Every structure is written in structure tokens, then in C-alpha cells.
C-alpha atoms as a PDB file:
ATOM      1  CA  UNK A   1      11.598  15.073  -7.686  1.00  0.00           C
ATOM      2  CA  UNK A   2       9.051  13.457  -9.568  1.00  0.00           C
ATOM      3  CA  UNK A   3       5.843  11.955  -8.488  1.00  0.00           C
ATOM      4  CA  UNK A   4       4.213   8.810  -9.135  1.00  0.00           C
ATOM      5  CA  UNK A   5       1.140   6.755  -8.020  1.00  0.00           C
ATOM      6  CA  UNK A   6      -0.097   3.188  -8.645  1.00  0.00           C
ATOM      7  CA  UNK A   7      -3.584   1.957  -7.578  1.00  0.00           C
ATOM      8  CA  UNK A   8      -4.975  -1.654  -7.901  1.00  0.00           C
ATOM      9  CA  UNK A   9      -8.013  -3.883  -7.014  1.00  0.00           C
ATOM     10  CA  UNK A  10      -7.200  -6.583  -4.912  1.00  0.00           C
ATOM     11  CA  UNK A  11      -8.088 -10.554  -5.056  1.00  0.00           C
ATOM     12  CA  UNK A  12     -11.071 -11.570  -2.510  1.00  0.00           C
ATOM     13  CA  UNK A  13      -9.770 -11.029   0.886  1.00  0.00           C
ATOM     14  CA  UNK A  14      -9.999 -13.957   3.388  1.00  0.00           C
ATOM     15  CA  UNK A  15     -11.064 -13.413   7.053  1.00  0.00           C
ATOM     16  CA  UNK A  16      -8.198 -13.045   9.117  1.00  0.00           C
ATOM     17  CA  UNK A  17      -5.633 -13.517   6.528  1.00  0.00           C
ATOM     18  CA  UNK A  18      -3.004 -10.703   5.975  1.00  0.00           C
ATOM     19  CA  UNK A  19      -2.666  -9.520   2.330  1.00  0.00           C
ATOM     20  CA  UNK A  20      -0.060  -7.191   0.751  1.00  0.00           C
ATOM     21  CA  UNK A  21      -1.836  -5.240  -1.835  1.00  0.00           C
ATOM     22  CA  UNK A  22       0.877  -2.958  -2.905  1.00  0.00           C
ATOM     23  CA  UNK A  23       4.391  -3.158  -2.287  1.00  0.00           C
ATOM     24  CA  UNK A  24       7.207  -0.636  -3.581  1.00  0.00           C
ATOM     25  CA  UNK A  25      10.797  -1.201  -3.531  1.00  0.00           C
ATOM     26  CA  UNK A  26      12.897   1.944  -4.191  1.00  0.00           C
ATOM     27  CA  UNK A  27      16.344   1.192  -5.917  1.00  0.00           C
ATOM     28  CA  UNK A  28      19.540   1.492  -3.599  1.00  0.00           C
ATOM     29  CA  UNK A  29      20.529   5.190  -4.786  1.00  0.00           C
ATOM     30  CA  UNK A  30      16.806   6.611  -4.618  1.00  0.00           C
ATOM     31  CA  UNK A  31      14.769   7.058  -1.539  1.00  0.00           C
ATOM     32  CA  UNK A  32      11.204   7.662  -1.958  1.00  0.00           C
ATOM     33  CA  UNK A  33       8.760   9.928   0.237  1.00  0.00           C
ATOM     34  CA  UNK A  34       5.106   8.309   0.662  1.00  0.00           C
ATOM     35  CA  UNK A  35       2.734  11.477   0.216  1.00  0.00           C
ATOM     36  CA  UNK A  36      -0.762   9.594   0.178  1.00  0.00           C
ATOM     37  CA  UNK A  37      -2.063   6.216   0.443  1.00  0.00           C
ATOM     38  CA  UNK A  38      -5.853   5.277   0.240  1.00  0.00           C
ATOM     39  CA  UNK A  39      -8.380   2.038   0.619  1.00  0.00           C
ATOM     40  CA  UNK A  40     -11.848   1.490  -0.244  1.00  0.00           C
ATOM     41  CA  UNK A  41     -13.820  -1.780   0.302  1.00  0.00           C
ATOM     42  CA  UNK A  42     -16.327  -2.608  -2.375  1.00  0.00           C
ATOM     43  CA  UNK A  43     -18.781  -4.386   0.033  1.00  0.00           C
ATOM     44  CA  UNK A  44     -19.286  -5.313   3.566  1.00  0.00           C
ATOM     45  CA  UNK A  45     -21.868  -6.169   6.401  1.00  0.00           C
ATOM     46  CA  UNK A  46     -22.875  -4.612   9.368  1.00  0.00           C
ATOM     47  CA  UNK A  47     -21.277  -7.468  11.339  1.00  0.00           C
ATOM     48  CA  UNK A  48     -17.885  -7.370   9.621  1.00  0.00           C
ATOM     49  CA  UNK A  49     -15.033  -6.659  12.183  1.00  0.00           C
ATOM     50  CA  UNK A  50     -12.310  -4.175  11.829  1.00  0.00           C
ATOM     51  CA  UNK A  51      -9.844  -4.276   9.052  1.00  0.00           C
ATOM     52  CA  UNK A  52      -5.934  -3.756  10.260  1.00  0.00           C
ATOM     53  CA  UNK A  53      -4.341  -1.521   7.715  1.00  0.00           C
ATOM     54  CA  UNK A  54      -0.621  -1.286   8.063  1.00  0.00           C
ATOM     55  CA  UNK A  55       1.429   1.454   5.613  1.00  0.00           C
ATOM     56  CA  UNK A  56       4.871   1.288   6.317  1.00  0.00           C
ATOM     57  CA  UNK A  57       8.145  -0.436   6.160  1.00  0.00           C
ATOM     58  CA  UNK A  58       8.775  -4.273   5.982  1.00  0.00           C
ATOM     59  CA  UNK A  59      11.876  -5.950   6.495  1.00  0.00           C
ATOM     60  CA  UNK A  60      11.748  -8.089   3.154  1.00  0.00           C
ATOM     61  CA  UNK A  61      10.232  -8.294  -0.194  1.00  0.00           C
ATOM     62  CA  UNK A  62       7.140 -10.348  -1.155  1.00  0.00           C
ATOM     63  CA  UNK A  63       8.260 -12.084  -4.035  1.00  0.00           C
ATOM     64  CA  UNK A  64       4.402 -13.712  -5.207  1.00  0.00           C
ATOM     65  CA  UNK A  65       3.153 -10.579  -6.273  1.00  0.00           C
ATOM     66  CA  UNK A  66       2.587  -9.031  -9.904  1.00  0.00           C
ATOM     67  CA  UNK A  67       5.134  -6.181 -11.267  1.00  0.00           C
ATOM     68  CA  UNK A  68       2.942  -2.956 -11.987  1.00  0.00           C
ATOM     69  CA  UNK A  69       4.082   0.181 -13.870  1.00  0.00           C
ATOM     70  CA  UNK A  70       3.528   3.464 -11.860  1.00  0.00           C
ATOM     71  CA  UNK A  71       1.639   6.308 -13.341  1.00  0.00           C
ATOM     72  CA  UNK A  72       3.818   9.430 -13.534  1.00  0.00           C
ATOM     73  CA  UNK A  73       2.311  12.514 -11.864  1.00  0.00           C
ATOM     74  CA  UNK A  74       4.282  15.483 -12.490  1.00  0.00           C
ATOM     75  CA  UNK A  75       2.660  18.838 -11.530  1.00  0.00           C
ATOM     76  CA  UNK A  76       4.864  20.700 -13.700  1.00  0.00           C
ATOM     77  CA  UNK A  77       4.015  18.699 -16.873  1.00  0.00           C
ATOM     78  CA  UNK A  78       6.992  17.048 -17.247  1.00  0.00           C
ATOM     79  CA  UNK A  79       6.825  13.181 -17.851  1.00  0.00           C
ATOM     80  CA  UNK A  80       9.630  10.995 -16.280  1.00  0.00           C
ATOM     81  CA  UNK A  81       9.891   6.907 -15.484  1.00  0.00           C
ATOM     82  CA  UNK A  82       9.878   5.636 -11.843  1.00  0.00           C
ATOM     83  CA  UNK A  83      12.817   4.238 -10.340  1.00  0.00           C
ATOM     84  CA  UNK A  84      10.852   2.278  -7.847  1.00  0.00           C
ATOM     85  CA  UNK A  85       9.702  -1.266  -8.498  1.00  0.00           C
ATOM     86  CA  UNK A  86       5.996  -1.823  -8.005  1.00  0.00           C
ATOM     87  CA  UNK A  87       4.336  -5.141  -6.938  1.00  0.00           C
ATOM     88  CA  UNK A  88       0.497  -5.587  -6.528  1.00  0.00           C
ATOM     89  CA  UNK A  89      -1.528  -8.278  -5.039  1.00  0.00           C
ATOM     90  CA  UNK A  90       0.563 -11.029  -3.333  1.00  0.00           C
ATOM     91  CA  UNK A  91      -0.456 -14.632  -3.696  1.00  0.00           C
ATOM     92  CA  UNK A  92       1.262 -15.154  -0.437  1.00  0.00           C
ATOM     93  CA  UNK A  93       2.965 -13.231   2.194  1.00  0.00           C
ATOM     94  CA  UNK A  94       6.214 -14.921   2.307  1.00  0.00           C
ATOM     95  CA  UNK A  95       9.086 -13.096   4.045  1.00  0.00           C
ATOM     96  CA  UNK A  96       9.119  -9.797   5.414  1.00  0.00           C
ATOM     97  CA  UNK A  97       7.960  -8.400   9.052  1.00  0.00           C
ATOM     98  CA  UNK A  98       6.256  -5.197   9.596  1.00  0.00           C
ATOM     99  CA  UNK A  99       8.853  -2.570  11.084  1.00  0.00           C
ATOM    100  CA  UNK A 100       7.537  -0.385  13.779  1.00  0.00           C
ATOM    101  CA  UNK A 101       7.345   2.924  11.770  1.00  0.00           C
ATOM    102  CA  UNK A 102       4.925   4.014   9.324  1.00  0.00           C
ATOM    103  CA  UNK A 103       1.173   3.900   9.959  1.00  0.00           C
ATOM    104  CA  UNK A 104      -0.981   1.308  11.590  1.00  0.00           C
ATOM    105  CA  UNK A 105      -5.027   1.758  11.537  1.00  0.00           C
ATOM    106  CA  UNK A 106      -7.782  -0.538  12.781  1.00  0.00           C
ATOM    107  CA  UNK A 107     -10.565   0.615  10.388  1.00  0.00           C
ATOM    108  CA  UNK A 108     -14.222  -0.388  10.574  1.00  0.00           C
ATOM    109  CA  UNK A 109     -15.397  -1.938   7.062  1.00  0.00           C
ATOM    110  CA  UNK A 110     -18.437   0.427   7.289  1.00  0.00           C
ATOM    111  CA  UNK A 111     -16.163   3.592   7.704  1.00  0.00           C
ATOM    112  CA  UNK A 112     -14.616   3.129   4.134  1.00  0.00           C
ATOM    113  CA  UNK A 113     -13.293   4.635   1.974  1.00  0.00           C
ATOM    114  CA  UNK A 114     -10.040   5.948   3.961  1.00  0.00           C
ATOM    115  CA  UNK A 115      -7.177   8.212   2.695  1.00  0.00           C
ATOM    116  CA  UNK A 116      -4.347   9.463   4.185  1.00  0.00           C
ATOM    117  CA  UNK A 117      -2.712  12.660   2.920  1.00  0.00           C
ATOM    118  CA  UNK A 118       0.563  14.007   4.439  1.00  0.00           C
ATOM    119  CA  UNK A 119       2.540  17.201   3.955  1.00  0.00           C
ATOM    120  CA  UNK A 120       5.969  16.864   2.382  1.00  0.00           C
ATOM    121  CA  UNK A 121       7.442  17.608   5.985  1.00  0.00           C
ATOM    122  CA  UNK A 122       5.604  14.822   7.764  1.00  0.00           C
ATOM    123  CA  UNK A 123       5.484  12.224   5.007  1.00  0.00           C
ATOM    124  CA  UNK A 124       7.319   8.880   5.846  1.00  0.00           C
ATOM    125  CA  UNK A 125      10.803   8.540   3.868  1.00  0.00           C
ATOM    126  CA  UNK A 126      11.649   5.024   2.631  1.00  0.00           C
ATOM    127  CA  UNK A 127      15.267   4.312   1.884  1.00  0.00           C
ATOM    128  CA  UNK A 128      16.262   2.919  -0.948  1.00  0.00           C
ATOM    129  CA  UNK A 129      16.826  -0.792  -0.769  1.00  0.00           C
ATOM    130  CA  UNK A 130      13.832  -1.119   1.418  1.00  0.00           C
ATOM    131  CA  UNK A 131      10.262  -1.951   1.162  1.00  0.00           C
ATOM    132  CA  UNK A 132       7.233  -0.202   1.627  1.00  0.00           C
ATOM    133  CA  UNK A 133       4.036  -1.984   1.697  1.00  0.00           C
ATOM    134  CA  UNK A 134       0.033  -1.530   2.127  1.00  0.00           C
ATOM    135  CA  UNK A 135      -0.889  -4.446   3.842  1.00  0.00           C
ATOM    136  CA  UNK A 136      -4.385  -5.556   4.838  1.00  0.00           C
ATOM    137  CA  UNK A 137      -5.605  -7.869   7.426  1.00  0.00           C
ATOM    138  CA  UNK A 138      -9.636  -8.146   7.564  1.00  0.00           C
ATOM    139  CA  UNK A 139     -11.356  -8.950  10.574  1.00  0.00           C
ATOM    140  CA  UNK A 140     -12.503 -12.642  11.442  1.00  0.00           C
ATOM    141  CA  UNK A 141     -15.837 -12.328  10.068  1.00  0.00           C
ATOM    142  CA  UNK A 142     -15.413 -10.445   6.762  1.00  0.00           C
ATOM    143  CA  UNK A 143     -17.528 -11.822   3.941  1.00  0.00           C
ATOM    144  CA  UNK A 144     -16.202 -11.955   0.316  1.00  0.00           C
ATOM    145  CA  UNK A 145     -14.799  -8.473  -0.299  1.00  0.00           C
ATOM    146  CA  UNK A 146     -12.185  -6.670  -2.862  1.00  0.00           C
ATOM    147  CA  UNK A 147     -10.419  -3.600  -1.842  1.00  0.00           C
ATOM    148  CA  UNK A 148      -9.384  -0.866  -4.216  1.00  0.00           C
ATOM    149  CA  UNK A 149      -6.450   0.872  -2.775  1.00  0.00           C
ATOM    150  CA  UNK A 150      -3.475   2.781  -4.009  1.00  0.00           C
ATOM    151  CA  UNK A 151      -0.007   5.136  -2.974  1.00  0.00           C
ATOM    152  CA  UNK A 152       1.396   8.419  -4.331  1.00  0.00           C
ATOM    153  CA  UNK A 153       4.969   8.963  -4.104  1.00  0.00           C
ATOM    154  CA  UNK A 154       8.060  11.297  -4.934  1.00  0.00           C
ATOM    155  CA  UNK A 155      11.259  10.073  -5.567  1.00  0.00           C
END
């Protein structure tokens, strides 16, 4: 199995508005395993409300994101090309609802950065033909803020 990662800096977040920063779409024959994801706000104020972060499966794809090429991270020194399609920085949420698995965190902006690293025996598997997203919903008083975030997976 090869390991890949992608990271991005988002557009400016709007208070109380959901934003899909990263979406992974494994091809039908290749499931993926999410090993690590991270998120880091670049600015905040002491009055900002918590940020809801959803890292998990969704029922449909976002169609308004920009495609990105994953970086091959192979600890054996071998390069390969990802089968997973990657989209970053959606301009609107569109179709697709949260499927109740994966991770859901309400994080204080003042506590960033946040990283979640799983062992292979506890990491989430995403079946081929489905959708995994890192979606961020800022609190109601978030000021002009961008986020740097990413994900590391095996396929």
C-alpha cells in the first residue's frame, strides 16, 4: 500500500457557514485508510466561538472544488501515483450530507493547531466509490480567518 498526503490553505471562512476544505474520492476498486488529518487557524480573537470540524464520510461529492495532486509519501522510498481523486477549497457545499461515522470535533479556535493521528488498526477505512471530507463550520462570531489543513492516507 502506498501513502499519500494533500494539504491546502482555505479561502476566508464565513461565520456559521460550512466549508469543505478537502475531499477525497477513492476510485471504485481502491479503498483508502485515513491515517492523519490536521487543521490550523491562522488568526482568531478571544471572542470567537468554537469551530465544528467533521472528518468523515459524506453521501455525495462536492462539485465546486479544485482538483489537486496528492504528494506520494512512501516510507520505503518508492514513488507511486494516487488512485484517489482530490478536491480542495469548495466554493459551495452542494450535495452530500454527513454520514454518522468518522470524527466530529467542536474545537476552540484559541486551541489550534489540532492533529488527529490514528494507528492503522483504528484508522477509518473509506470504501472505493465513496467520499471523505474535512469540513469546517466556524462559530457565529469568527472574524476573517483562513485555515491550513491536510490529510494523510493509504491506498
